[in-house]
Amino acid sequence: MKIIRQLAIILIICFIGELLRRVLNLTVPGNVMGMMILLMLLCTGIIKVEMIEDISKFLLDHLAFFFLPAGVGLIASIALIKDYWYYVLIIAFISTVVVMVVTGITVQLFKRRESR
């Protein structure tokens, strides 16, 4: 029952993000809006980490599973991108490096802030 409650919290926040996107006619995806709402709720203490900890661990443990549809879609459209594979490879490499650098800087900033 605990997992279902935690999943309901995540899904409701996701739904609110999608609803805001549609009502306000934003170009930001609804799931991103939901993540921003979840971040605000966690930062303000309205939602405690313990309230979503188990479902978050489950979702992170099975994260690779959620990339399967994207991988299948990429394989299905291989005819469209076969002439541009090197661009895709370069973009994937650059975006990976950027994500790693930004994540590293963010973690360092949070560690410095936490140690004060």
PDB file of N, CA and C in Angstrom:
ATOM      1  N   MET A   1       0.818  -1.202   0.000  1.00  0.00           N
ATOM      2  CA  MET A   1       0.000   0.000   0.000  1.00  0.00           C
ATOM      3  C   MET A   1       0.860   1.264   0.000  1.00  0.00           C
ATOM      4  N   LYS A   2       2.023   1.171   0.664  1.00  0.00           N
ATOM      5  CA  LYS A   2       2.921   2.317   0.744  1.00  0.00           C
ATOM      6  C   LYS A   2       3.424   2.723  -0.640  1.00  0.00           C
ATOM      7  N   ILE A   3       3.783   1.731  -1.455  1.00  0.00           N
ATOM      8  CA  ILE A   3       4.283   1.994  -2.807  1.00  0.00           C
ATOM      9  C   ILE A   3       3.194   2.642  -3.664  1.00  0.00           C
ATOM     10  N   ILE A   4       1.966   2.164  -3.522  1.00  0.00           N
ATOM     11  CA  ILE A   4       0.861   2.722  -4.311  1.00  0.00           C
ATOM     12  C   ILE A   4       0.625   4.183  -3.929  1.00  0.00           C
ATOM     13  N   ARG A   5       0.712   4.501  -2.650  1.00  0.00           N
ATOM     14  CA  ARG A   5       0.549   5.889  -2.194  1.00  0.00           C
ATOM     15  C   ARG A   5       1.658   6.769  -2.770  1.00  0.00           C
ATOM     16  N   GLN A   6       2.887   6.260  -2.743  1.00  0.00           N
ATOM     17  CA  GLN A   6       4.011   7.031  -3.276  1.00  0.00           C
ATOM     18  C   GLN A   6       3.891   7.222  -4.782  1.00  0.00           C
ATOM     19  N   LEU A   7       3.469   6.172  -5.473  1.00  0.00           N
ATOM     20  CA  LEU A   7       3.256   6.282  -6.913  1.00  0.00           C
ATOM     21  C   LEU A   7       2.141   7.275  -7.220  1.00  0.00           C
ATOM     22  N   ALA A   8       1.100   7.277  -6.402  1.00  0.00           N
ATOM     23  CA  ALA A   8      -0.001   8.227  -6.597  1.00  0.00           C
ATOM     24  C   ALA A   8       0.489   9.664  -6.453  1.00  0.00           C
ATOM     25  N   ILE A   9       1.366   9.903  -5.493  1.00  0.00           N
ATOM     26  CA  ILE A   9       1.920  11.258  -5.313  1.00  0.00           C
ATOM     27  C   ILE A   9       2.663  11.691  -6.574  1.00  0.00           C
ATOM     28  N   ILE A  10       3.518  10.818  -7.095  1.00  0.00           N
ATOM     29  CA  ILE A  10       4.292  11.128  -8.299  1.00  0.00           C
ATOM     30  C   ILE A  10       3.364  11.356  -9.493  1.00  0.00           C
ATOM     31  N   LEU A  11       2.386  10.479  -9.660  1.00  0.00           N
ATOM     32  CA  LEU A  11       1.474  10.595 -10.804  1.00  0.00           C
ATOM     33  C   LEU A  11       0.607  11.842 -10.724  1.00  0.00           C
ATOM     34  N   ILE A  12       0.158  12.198  -9.533  1.00  0.00           N
ATOM     35  CA  ILE A  12      -0.654  13.410  -9.371  1.00  0.00           C
ATOM     36  C   ILE A  12       0.165  14.647  -9.726  1.00  0.00           C
ATOM     37  N   ILE A  13       1.413  14.676  -9.276  1.00  0.00           N
ATOM     38  CA  ILE A  13       2.279  15.819  -9.602  1.00  0.00           C
ATOM     39  C   ILE A  13       2.539  15.873 -11.103  1.00  0.00           C
ATOM     40  N   CYS A  14       2.740  14.718 -11.718  1.00  0.00           N
ATOM     41  CA  CYS A  14       2.925  14.659 -13.179  1.00  0.00           C
ATOM     42  C   CYS A  14       1.680  15.167 -13.896  1.00  0.00           C
ATOM     43  N   PHE A  15       0.520  14.751 -13.416  1.00  0.00           N
ATOM     44  CA  PHE A  15      -0.749  15.185 -14.007  1.00  0.00           C
ATOM     45  C   PHE A  15      -0.918  16.695 -13.867  1.00  0.00           C
ATOM     46  N   ILE A  16      -0.577  17.239 -12.713  1.00  0.00           N
ATOM     47  CA  ILE A  16      -0.682  18.692 -12.498  1.00  0.00           C
ATOM     48  C   ILE A  16       0.254  19.428 -13.463  1.00  0.00           C
ATOM     49  N   GLY A  17       1.459  18.901 -13.672  1.00  0.00           N
ATOM     50  CA  GLY A  17       2.386  19.514 -14.625  1.00  0.00           C
ATOM     51  C   GLY A  17       1.824  19.520 -16.032  1.00  0.00           C
ATOM     52  N   GLU A  18       1.235  18.397 -16.435  1.00  0.00           N
ATOM     53  CA  GLU A  18       0.630  18.314 -17.773  1.00  0.00           C
ATOM     54  C   GLU A  18      -0.573  19.242 -17.882  1.00  0.00           C
ATOM     55  N   LEU A  19      -1.361  19.311 -16.835  1.00  0.00           N
ATOM     56  CA  LEU A  19      -2.531  20.196 -16.820  1.00  0.00           C
ATOM     57  C   LEU A  19      -2.106  21.663 -16.940  1.00  0.00           C
ATOM     58  N   LEU A  20      -1.084  22.049 -16.189  1.00  0.00           N
ATOM     59  CA  LEU A  20      -0.580  23.425 -16.279  1.00  0.00           C
ATOM     60  C   LEU A  20      -0.063  23.739 -17.677  1.00  0.00           C
ATOM     61  N   ARG A  21       0.623  22.773 -18.268  1.00  0.00           N
ATOM     62  CA  ARG A  21       1.142  22.992 -19.621  1.00  0.00           C
ATOM     63  C   ARG A  21       0.016  23.253 -20.605  1.00  0.00           C
ATOM     64  N   ARG A  22      -1.043  22.472 -20.491  1.00  0.00           N
ATOM     65  CA  ARG A  22      -2.165  22.638 -21.426  1.00  0.00           C
ATOM     66  C   ARG A  22      -2.968  23.911 -21.157  1.00  0.00           C
ATOM     67  N   VAL A  23      -3.221  24.197 -19.885  1.00  0.00           N
ATOM     68  CA  VAL A  23      -4.018  25.377 -19.534  1.00  0.00           C
ATOM     69  C   VAL A  23      -3.276  26.659 -19.883  1.00  0.00           C
ATOM     70  N   LEU A  24      -1.978  26.709 -19.574  1.00  0.00           N
ATOM     71  CA  LEU A  24      -1.191  27.909 -19.830  1.00  0.00           C
ATOM     72  C   LEU A  24      -0.585  27.931 -21.232  1.00  0.00           C
ATOM     73  N   ASN A  25      -0.818  26.859 -22.002  1.00  0.00           N
ATOM     74  CA  ASN A  25      -0.330  26.753 -23.371  1.00  0.00           C
ATOM     75  C   ASN A  25       1.181  26.989 -23.451  1.00  0.00           C
ATOM     76  N   LEU A  26       1.935  26.261 -22.602  1.00  0.00           N
ATOM     77  CA  LEU A  26       3.386  26.402 -22.543  1.00  0.00           C
ATOM     78  C   LEU A  26       4.053  25.439 -23.514  1.00  0.00           C
ATOM     79  N   THR A  27       5.274  25.768 -23.894  1.00  0.00           N
ATOM     80  CA  THR A  27       6.027  24.878 -24.774  1.00  0.00           C
ATOM     81  C   THR A  27       6.858  23.874 -23.976  1.00  0.00           C
ATOM     82  N   VAL A  28       6.945  24.071 -22.672  1.00  0.00           N
ATOM     83  CA  VAL A  28       7.675  23.149 -21.802  1.00  0.00           C
ATOM     84  C   VAL A  28       6.851  21.872 -21.653  1.00  0.00           C
ATOM     85  N   PRO A  29       7.461  20.695 -21.809  1.00  0.00           N
ATOM     86  CA  PRO A  29       6.699  19.453 -21.667  1.00  0.00           C
ATOM     87  C   PRO A  29       6.096  19.308 -20.270  1.00  0.00           C
ATOM     88  N   GLY A  30       4.961  18.646 -20.199  1.00  0.00           N
ATOM     89  CA  GLY A  30       4.250  18.478 -18.932  1.00  0.00           C
ATOM     90  C   GLY A  30       5.053  17.711 -17.900  1.00  0.00           C
ATOM     91  N   ASN A  31       5.826  16.708 -18.339  1.00  0.00           N
ATOM     92  CA  ASN A  31       6.610  15.958 -17.365  1.00  0.00           C
ATOM     93  C   ASN A  31       7.736  16.803 -16.765  1.00  0.00           C
ATOM     94  N   VAL A  32       8.278  17.727 -17.541  1.00  0.00           N
ATOM     95  CA  VAL A  32       9.291  18.645 -17.015  1.00  0.00           C
ATOM     96  C   VAL A  32       8.646  19.602 -16.016  1.00  0.00           C
ATOM     97  N   MET A  33       7.456  20.081 -16.343  1.00  0.00           N
ATOM     98  CA  MET A  33       6.720  20.933 -15.397  1.00  0.00           C
ATOM     99  C   MET A  33       6.462  20.168 -14.095  1.00  0.00           C
ATOM    100  N   GLY A  34       6.097  18.901 -14.227  1.00  0.00           N
ATOM    101  CA  GLY A  34       5.859  18.070 -13.049  1.00  0.00           C
ATOM    102  C   GLY A  34       7.112  17.912 -12.207  1.00  0.00           C
ATOM    103  N   MET A  35       8.268  17.731 -12.861  1.00  0.00           N
ATOM    104  CA  MET A  35       9.520  17.619 -12.115  1.00  0.00           C
ATOM    105  C   MET A  35       9.859  18.918 -11.399  1.00  0.00           C
ATOM    106  N   MET A  36       9.570  20.060 -12.053  1.00  0.00           N
ATOM    107  CA  MET A  36       9.823  21.345 -11.403  1.00  0.00           C
ATOM    108  C   MET A  36       8.898  21.530 -10.201  1.00  0.00           C
ATOM    109  N   ILE A  37       7.657  21.116 -10.339  1.00  0.00           N
ATOM    110  CA  ILE A  37       6.714  21.195  -9.217  1.00  0.00           C
ATOM    111  C   ILE A  37       7.186  20.296  -8.078  1.00  0.00           C
ATOM    112  N   LEU A  38       7.617  19.080  -8.409  1.00  0.00           N
ATOM    113  CA  LEU A  38       8.120  18.162  -7.389  1.00  0.00           C
ATOM    114  C   LEU A  38       9.342  18.745  -6.692  1.00  0.00           C
ATOM    115  N   LEU A  39      10.241  19.351  -7.440  1.00  0.00           N
ATOM    116  CA  LEU A  39      11.418  19.986  -6.842  1.00  0.00           C
ATOM    117  C   LEU A  39      11.008  21.088  -5.878  1.00  0.00           C
ATOM    118  N   MET A  40      10.064  21.928  -6.293  1.00  0.00           N
ATOM    119  CA  MET A  40       9.603  23.007  -5.405  1.00  0.00           C
ATOM    120  C   MET A  40       8.967  22.442  -4.138  1.00  0.00           C
ATOM    121  N   LEU A  41       8.165  21.397  -4.289  1.00  0.00           N
ATOM    122  CA  LEU A  41       7.517  20.793  -3.130  1.00  0.00           C
ATOM    123  C   LEU A  41       8.539  20.153  -2.189  1.00  0.00           C
ATOM    124  N   LEU A  42       9.579  19.554  -2.737  1.00  0.00           N
ATOM    125  CA  LEU A  42      10.627  18.963  -1.906  1.00  0.00           C
ATOM    126  C   LEU A  42      11.457  20.040  -1.217  1.00  0.00           C
ATOM    127  N   CYS A  43      11.779  21.109  -1.945  1.00  0.00           N
ATOM    128  CA  CYS A  43      12.586  22.194  -1.365  1.00  0.00           C
ATOM    129  C   CYS A  43      11.841  22.932  -0.256  1.00  0.00           C
ATOM    130  N   THR A  44      10.547  23.089  -0.413  1.00  0.00           N
ATOM    131  CA  THR A  44       9.761  23.795   0.610  1.00  0.00           C
ATOM    132  C   THR A  44       9.381  22.893   1.775  1.00  0.00           C
ATOM    133  N   GLY A  45       9.565  21.595   1.625  1.00  0.00           N
ATOM    134  CA  GLY A  45       9.251  20.675   2.703  1.00  0.00           C
ATOM    135  C   GLY A  45       7.799  20.224   2.728  1.00  0.00           C
ATOM    136  N   ILE A  46       7.031  20.633   1.735  1.00  0.00           N
ATOM    137  CA  ILE A  46       5.630  20.195   1.660  1.00  0.00           C
ATOM    138  C   ILE A  46       5.591  18.685   1.462  1.00  0.00           C
ATOM    139  N   ILE A  47       6.486  18.193   0.616  1.00  0.00           N
ATOM    140  CA  ILE A  47       6.652  16.750   0.438  1.00  0.00           C
ATOM    141  C   ILE A  47       8.027  16.400   0.980  1.00  0.00           C
ATOM    142  N   LYS A  48       8.075  15.443   1.870  1.00  0.00           N
ATOM    143  CA  LYS A  48       9.338  14.955   2.419  1.00  0.00           C
ATOM    144  C   LYS A  48       9.878  13.847   1.511  1.00  0.00           C
ATOM    145  N   VAL A  49      11.187  13.710   1.486  1.00  0.00           N
ATOM    146  CA  VAL A  49      11.820  12.689   0.662  1.00  0.00           C
ATOM    147  C   VAL A  49      11.301  11.304   1.041  1.00  0.00           C
ATOM    148  N   GLU A  50      11.069  11.096   2.323  1.00  0.00           N
ATOM    149  CA  GLU A  50      10.583   9.801   2.797  1.00  0.00           C
ATOM    150  C   GLU A  50       9.233   9.438   2.192  1.00  0.00           C
ATOM    151  N   MET A  51       8.461  10.445   1.789  1.00  0.00           N
ATOM    152  CA  MET A  51       7.127  10.205   1.228  1.00  0.00           C
ATOM    153  C   MET A  51       7.189   9.576  -0.166  1.00  0.00           C
ATOM    154  N   ILE A  52       8.314   9.720  -0.857  1.00  0.00           N
ATOM    155  CA  ILE A  52       8.440   9.164  -2.218  1.00  0.00           C
ATOM    156  C   ILE A  52       9.715   8.352  -2.394  1.00  0.00           C
ATOM    157  N   GLU A  53      10.371   8.019  -1.298  1.00  0.00           N
ATOM    158  CA  GLU A  53      11.681   7.374  -1.352  1.00  0.00           C
ATOM    159  C   GLU A  53      11.640   5.988  -2.006  1.00  0.00           C
ATOM    160  N   ASP A  54      10.706   5.140  -1.606  1.00  0.00           N
ATOM    161  CA  ASP A  54      10.669   3.764  -2.113  1.00  0.00           C
ATOM    162  C   ASP A  54      10.361   3.711  -3.610  1.00  0.00           C
ATOM    163  N   ILE A  55       9.370   4.481  -4.048  1.00  0.00           N
ATOM    164  CA  ILE A  55       9.011   4.463  -5.466  1.00  0.00           C
ATOM    165  C   ILE A  55      10.121   5.094  -6.304  1.00  0.00           C
ATOM    166  N   SER A  56      10.795   6.097  -5.753  1.00  0.00           N
ATOM    167  CA  SER A  56      11.914   6.717  -6.470  1.00  0.00           C
ATOM    168  C   SER A  56      13.046   5.719  -6.661  1.00  0.00           C
ATOM    169  N   LYS A  57      13.356   4.958  -5.617  1.00  0.00           N
ATOM    170  CA  LYS A  57      14.397   3.941  -5.722  1.00  0.00           C
ATOM    171  C   LYS A  57      14.003   2.886  -6.750  1.00  0.00           C
ATOM    172  N   PHE A  58      12.757   2.456  -6.722  1.00  0.00           N
ATOM    173  CA  PHE A  58      12.284   1.464  -7.688  1.00  0.00           C
ATOM    174  C   PHE A  58      12.428   1.986  -9.115  1.00  0.00           C
ATOM    175  N   LEU A  59      11.988   3.222  -9.359  1.00  0.00           N
ATOM    176  CA  LEU A  59      12.054   3.789 -10.706  1.00  0.00           C
ATOM    177  C   LEU A  59      13.498   3.961 -11.169  1.00  0.00           C
ATOM    178  N   LEU A  60      14.379   4.375 -10.265  1.00  0.00           N
ATOM    179  CA  LEU A  60      15.790   4.520 -10.634  1.00  0.00           C
ATOM    180  C   LEU A  60      16.447   3.170 -10.890  1.00  0.00           C
ATOM    181  N   ASP A  61      16.066   2.162 -10.117  1.00  0.00           N
ATOM    182  CA  ASP A  61      16.621   0.823 -10.331  1.00  0.00           C
ATOM    183  C   ASP A  61      16.218   0.251 -11.688  1.00  0.00           C
ATOM    184  N   HIS A  62      15.070   0.644 -12.205  1.00  0.00           N
ATOM    185  CA  HIS A  62      14.558   0.122 -13.467  1.00  0.00           C
ATOM    186  C   HIS A  62      14.579   1.177 -14.580  1.00  0.00           C
ATOM    187  N   LEU A  63      15.456   2.147 -14.464  1.00  0.00           N
ATOM    188  CA  LEU A  63      15.515   3.267 -15.402  1.00  0.00           C
ATOM    189  C   LEU A  63      15.810   2.815 -16.832  1.00  0.00           C
ATOM    190  N   ALA A  64      16.669   1.828 -16.989  1.00  0.00           N
ATOM    191  CA  ALA A  64      17.024   1.367 -18.336  1.00  0.00           C
ATOM    192  C   ALA A  64      15.796   0.863 -19.087  1.00  0.00           C
ATOM    193  N   PHE A  65      14.866   0.269 -18.383  1.00  0.00           N
ATOM    194  CA  PHE A  65      13.639  -0.236 -18.996  1.00  0.00           C
ATOM    195  C   PHE A  65      12.852   0.874 -19.691  1.00  0.00           C
ATOM    196  N   PHE A  66      12.889   2.084 -19.128  1.00  0.00           N
ATOM    197  CA  PHE A  66      12.119   3.198 -19.676  1.00  0.00           C
ATOM    198  C   PHE A  66      12.737   3.768 -20.953  1.00  0.00           C
ATOM    199  N   PHE A  67      13.968   3.388 -21.252  1.00  0.00           N
ATOM    200  CA  PHE A  67      14.615   3.847 -22.478  1.00  0.00           C
ATOM    201  C   PHE A  67      14.356   2.908 -23.648  1.00  0.00           C
ATOM    202  N   LEU A  68      13.749   1.773 -23.413  1.00  0.00           N
ATOM    203  CA  LEU A  68      13.464   0.827 -24.492  1.00  0.00           C
ATOM    204  C   LEU A  68      12.605   1.418 -25.608  1.00  0.00           C
ATOM    205  N   PRO A  69      11.508   2.103 -25.311  1.00  0.00           N
ATOM    206  CA  PRO A  69      10.708   2.672 -26.409  1.00  0.00           C
ATOM    207  C   PRO A  69      11.500   3.656 -27.273  1.00  0.00           C
ATOM    208  N   ALA A  70      12.352   4.461 -26.652  1.00  0.00           N
ATOM    209  CA  ALA A  70      13.163   5.404 -27.425  1.00  0.00           C
ATOM    210  C   ALA A  70      14.153   4.657 -28.308  1.00  0.00           C
ATOM    211  N   GLY A  71      14.743   3.594 -27.776  1.00  0.00           N
ATOM    212  CA  GLY A  71      15.685   2.798 -28.563  1.00  0.00           C
ATOM    213  C   GLY A  71      15.012   2.102 -29.729  1.00  0.00           C
ATOM    214  N   VAL A  72      13.817   1.559 -29.493  1.00  0.00           N
ATOM    215  CA  VAL A  72      13.061   0.903 -30.560  1.00  0.00           C
ATOM    216  C   VAL A  72      12.664   1.925 -31.625  1.00  0.00           C
ATOM    217  N   GLY A  73      12.259   3.105 -31.190  1.00  0.00           N
ATOM    218  CA  GLY A  73      11.912   4.166 -32.143  1.00  0.00           C
ATOM    219  C   GLY A  73      13.100   4.584 -32.981  1.00  0.00           C
ATOM    220  N   LEU A  74      14.264   4.620 -32.368  1.00  0.00           N
ATOM    221  CA  LEU A  74      15.481   4.966 -33.097  1.00  0.00           C
ATOM    222  C   LEU A  74      15.808   3.894 -34.134  1.00  0.00           C
ATOM    223  N   ILE A  75      15.685   2.648 -33.751  1.00  0.00           N
ATOM    224  CA  ILE A  75      15.949   1.553 -34.685  1.00  0.00           C
ATOM    225  C   ILE A  75      14.912   1.543 -35.812  1.00  0.00           C
ATOM    226  N   ALA A  76      13.662   1.838 -35.478  1.00  0.00           N
ATOM    227  CA  ALA A  76      12.600   1.848 -36.493  1.00  0.00           C
ATOM    228  C   ALA A  76      12.803   2.952 -37.524  1.00  0.00           C
ATOM    229  N   SER A  77      13.454   4.028 -37.121  1.00  0.00           N
ATOM    230  CA  SER A  77      13.667   5.133 -38.062  1.00  0.00           C
ATOM    231  C   SER A  77      15.110   5.186 -38.556  1.00  0.00           C
ATOM    232  N   ILE A  78      15.778   4.056 -38.552  1.00  0.00           N
ATOM    233  CA  ILE A  78      17.179   4.005 -38.981  1.00  0.00           C
ATOM    234  C   ILE A  78      17.355   4.443 -40.438  1.00  0.00           C
ATOM    235  N   ALA A  79      16.355   4.193 -41.266  1.00  0.00           N
ATOM    236  CA  ALA A  79      16.448   4.595 -42.674  1.00  0.00           C
ATOM    237  C   ALA A  79      16.510   6.119 -42.808  1.00  0.00           C
ATOM    238  N   LEU A  80      15.866   6.823 -41.899  1.00  0.00           N
ATOM    239  CA  LEU A  80      15.875   8.282 -41.948  1.00  0.00           C
ATOM    240  C   LEU A  80      17.190   8.881 -41.484  1.00  0.00           C
ATOM    241  N   ILE A  81      17.852   8.207 -40.560  1.00  0.00           N
ATOM    242  CA  ILE A  81      19.059   8.802 -39.976  1.00  0.00           C
ATOM    243  C   ILE A  81      20.356   8.146 -40.439  1.00  0.00           C
ATOM    244  N   LYS A  82      20.279   7.174 -41.340  1.00  0.00           N
ATOM    245  CA  LYS A  82      21.497   6.455 -41.741  1.00  0.00           C
ATOM    246  C   LYS A  82      22.521   7.364 -42.403  1.00  0.00           C
ATOM    247  N   ASP A  83      22.078   8.408 -43.076  1.00  0.00           N
ATOM    248  CA  ASP A  83      23.021   9.325 -43.720  1.00  0.00           C
ATOM    249  C   ASP A  83      23.579  10.364 -42.755  1.00  0.00           C
ATOM    250  N   TYR A  84      23.008  10.440 -41.550  1.00  0.00           N
ATOM    251  CA  TYR A  84      23.402  11.460 -40.577  1.00  0.00           C
ATOM    252  C   TYR A  84      23.891  10.853 -39.270  1.00  0.00           C
ATOM    253  N   TRP A  85      24.321   9.597 -39.278  1.00  0.00           N
ATOM    254  CA  TRP A  85      24.700   8.914 -38.052  1.00  0.00           C
ATOM    255  C   TRP A  85      25.842   9.616 -37.317  1.00  0.00           C
ATOM    256  N   TYR A  86      26.747  10.220 -38.062  1.00  0.00           N
ATOM    257  CA  TYR A  86      27.872  10.890 -37.421  1.00  0.00           C
ATOM    258  C   TYR A  86      27.420  12.138 -36.676  1.00  0.00           C
ATOM    259  N   TYR A  87      26.400  12.830 -37.184  1.00  0.00           N
ATOM    260  CA  TYR A  87      25.850  13.975 -36.447  1.00  0.00           C
ATOM    261  C   TYR A  87      25.195  13.509 -35.148  1.00  0.00           C
ATOM    262  N   VAL A  88      24.466  12.426 -35.234  1.00  0.00           N
ATOM    263  CA  VAL A  88      23.820  11.869 -34.041  1.00  0.00           C
ATOM    264  C   VAL A  88      24.874  11.469 -33.021  1.00  0.00           C
ATOM    265  N   LEU A  89      25.943  10.853 -33.474  1.00  0.00           N
ATOM    266  CA  LEU A  89      27.020  10.436 -32.588  1.00  0.00           C
ATOM    267  C   LEU A  89      27.701  11.635 -31.935  1.00  0.00           C
ATOM    268  N   ILE A  90      27.968  12.669 -32.703  1.00  0.00           N
ATOM    269  CA  ILE A  90      28.606  13.877 -32.169  1.00  0.00           C
ATOM    270  C   ILE A  90      27.690  14.554 -31.149  1.00  0.00           C
ATOM    271  N   ILE A  91      26.415  14.672 -31.479  1.00  0.00           N
ATOM    272  CA  ILE A  91      25.459  15.298 -30.559  1.00  0.00           C
ATOM    273  C   ILE A  91      25.349  14.483 -29.272  1.00  0.00           C
ATOM    274  N   ALA A  92      25.294  13.159 -29.391  1.00  0.00           N
ATOM    275  CA  ALA A  92      25.215  12.303 -28.206  1.00  0.00           C
ATOM    276  C   ALA A  92      26.450  12.471 -27.334  1.00  0.00           C
ATOM    277  N   PHE A  93      27.622  12.529 -27.955  1.00  0.00           N
ATOM    278  CA  PHE A  93      28.862  12.695 -27.194  1.00  0.00           C
ATOM    279  C   PHE A  93      28.907  14.050 -26.484  1.00  0.00           C
ATOM    280  N   ILE A  94      28.610  15.117 -27.228  1.00  0.00           N
ATOM    281  CA  ILE A  94      28.662  16.464 -26.645  1.00  0.00           C
ATOM    282  C   ILE A  94      27.637  16.608 -25.523  1.00  0.00           C
ATOM    283  N   SER A  95      26.422  16.134 -25.749  1.00  0.00           N
ATOM    284  CA  SER A  95      25.398  16.267 -24.710  1.00  0.00           C
ATOM    285  C   SER A  95      25.755  15.443 -23.473  1.00  0.00           C
ATOM    286  N   THR A  96      26.393  14.285 -23.657  1.00  0.00           N
ATOM    287  CA  THR A  96      26.829  13.485 -22.508  1.00  0.00           C
ATOM    288  C   THR A  96      27.875  14.235 -21.696  1.00  0.00           C
ATOM    289  N   VAL A  97      28.838  14.829 -22.381  1.00  0.00           N
ATOM    290  CA  VAL A  97      29.878  15.594 -21.685  1.00  0.00           C
ATOM    291  C   VAL A  97      29.263  16.783 -20.953  1.00  0.00           C
ATOM    292  N   VAL A  98      28.360  17.497 -21.606  1.00  0.00           N
ATOM    293  CA  VAL A  98      27.721  18.655 -20.966  1.00  0.00           C
ATOM    294  C   VAL A  98      26.940  18.228 -19.719  1.00  0.00           C
ATOM    295  N   VAL A  99      26.192  17.143 -19.822  1.00  0.00           N
ATOM    296  CA  VAL A  99      25.421  16.658 -18.663  1.00  0.00           C
ATOM    297  C   VAL A  99      26.357  16.262 -17.527  1.00  0.00           C
ATOM    298  N   MET A 100      27.470  15.596 -17.848  1.00  0.00           N
ATOM    299  CA  MET A 100      28.417  15.195 -16.809  1.00  0.00           C
ATOM    300  C   MET A 100      29.044  16.408 -16.124  1.00  0.00           C
ATOM    301  N   VAL A 101      29.405  17.411 -16.893  1.00  0.00           N
ATOM    302  CA  VAL A 101      30.029  18.613 -16.327  1.00  0.00           C
ATOM    303  C   VAL A 101      29.028  19.366 -15.454  1.00  0.00           C
ATOM    304  N   VAL A 102      27.825  19.575 -15.966  1.00  0.00           N
ATOM    305  CA  VAL A 102      26.810  20.311 -15.200  1.00  0.00           C
ATOM    306  C   VAL A 102      26.445  19.547 -13.924  1.00  0.00           C
ATOM    307  N   THR A 103      26.319  18.240 -14.006  1.00  0.00           N
ATOM    308  CA  THR A 103      26.015  17.435 -12.828  1.00  0.00           C
ATOM    309  C   THR A 103      27.135  17.534 -11.804  1.00  0.00           C
ATOM    310  N   GLY A 104      28.368  17.447 -12.254  1.00  0.00           N
ATOM    311  CA  GLY A 104      29.510  17.559 -11.348  1.00  0.00           C
ATOM    312  C   GLY A 104      29.556  18.905 -10.649  1.00  0.00           C
ATOM    313  N   ILE A 105      29.355  19.981 -11.394  1.00  0.00           N
ATOM    314  CA  ILE A 105      29.356  21.325 -10.806  1.00  0.00           C
ATOM    315  C   ILE A 105      28.208  21.472  -9.812  1.00  0.00           C
ATOM    316  N   THR A 106      27.039  20.962 -10.173  1.00  0.00           N
ATOM    317  CA  THR A 106      25.881  21.051  -9.283  1.00  0.00           C
ATOM    318  C   THR A 106      26.125  20.296  -7.979  1.00  0.00           C
ATOM    319  N   VAL A 107      26.676  19.104  -8.064  1.00  0.00           N
ATOM    320  CA  VAL A 107      26.964  18.322  -6.856  1.00  0.00           C
ATOM    321  C   VAL A 107      27.988  19.048  -5.992  1.00  0.00           C
ATOM    322  N   GLN A 108      29.013  19.613  -6.607  1.00  0.00           N
ATOM    323  CA  GLN A 108      30.010  20.353  -5.838  1.00  0.00           C
ATOM    324  C   GLN A 108      29.394  21.556  -5.140  1.00  0.00           C
ATOM    325  N   LEU A 109      28.524  22.284  -5.825  1.00  0.00           N
ATOM    326  CA  LEU A 109      27.863  23.432  -5.206  1.00  0.00           C
ATOM    327  C   LEU A 109      26.995  23.009  -4.020  1.00  0.00           C
ATOM    328  N   PHE A 110      26.258  21.922  -4.181  1.00  0.00           N
ATOM    329  CA  PHE A 110      25.418  21.442  -3.089  1.00  0.00           C
ATOM    330  C   PHE A 110      26.255  20.945  -1.917  1.00  0.00           C
ATOM    331  N   LYS A 111      27.387  20.299  -2.195  1.00  0.00           N
ATOM    332  CA  LYS A 111      28.256  19.822  -1.110  1.00  0.00           C
ATOM    333  C   LYS A 111      28.857  21.009  -0.349  1.00  0.00           C
ATOM    334  N   ARG A 112      29.277  22.034  -1.075  1.00  0.00           N
ATOM    335  CA  ARG A 112      29.804  23.230  -0.407  1.00  0.00           C
ATOM    336  C   ARG A 112      28.741  23.886   0.450  1.00  0.00           C
ATOM    337  N   ARG A 113      27.537  23.974  -0.116  1.00  0.00           N
ATOM    338  CA  ARG A 113      26.421  24.592   0.618  1.00  0.00           C
ATOM    339  C   ARG A 113      26.063  23.782   1.854  1.00  0.00           C
ATOM    340  N   GLU A 114      26.121  22.464   1.719  1.00  0.00           N
ATOM    341  CA  GLU A 114      25.781  21.578   2.834  1.00  0.00           C
ATOM    342  C   GLU A 114      26.816  21.635   3.937  1.00  0.00           C
ATOM    343  N   SER A 115      28.085  21.821   3.581  1.00  0.00           N
ATOM    344  CA  SER A 115      29.144  21.837   4.592  1.00  0.00           C
ATOM    345  C   SER A 115      29.165  23.136   5.403  1.00  0.00           C
ATOM    346  N   ARG A 116      28.502  24.165   4.937  1.00  0.00           N
ATOM    347  CA  ARG A 116      28.460  25.443   5.686  1.00  0.00           C
ATOM    348  C   ARG A 116      27.561  25.397   6.854  1.00  0.00           C
TER     349      ARG A 116
END
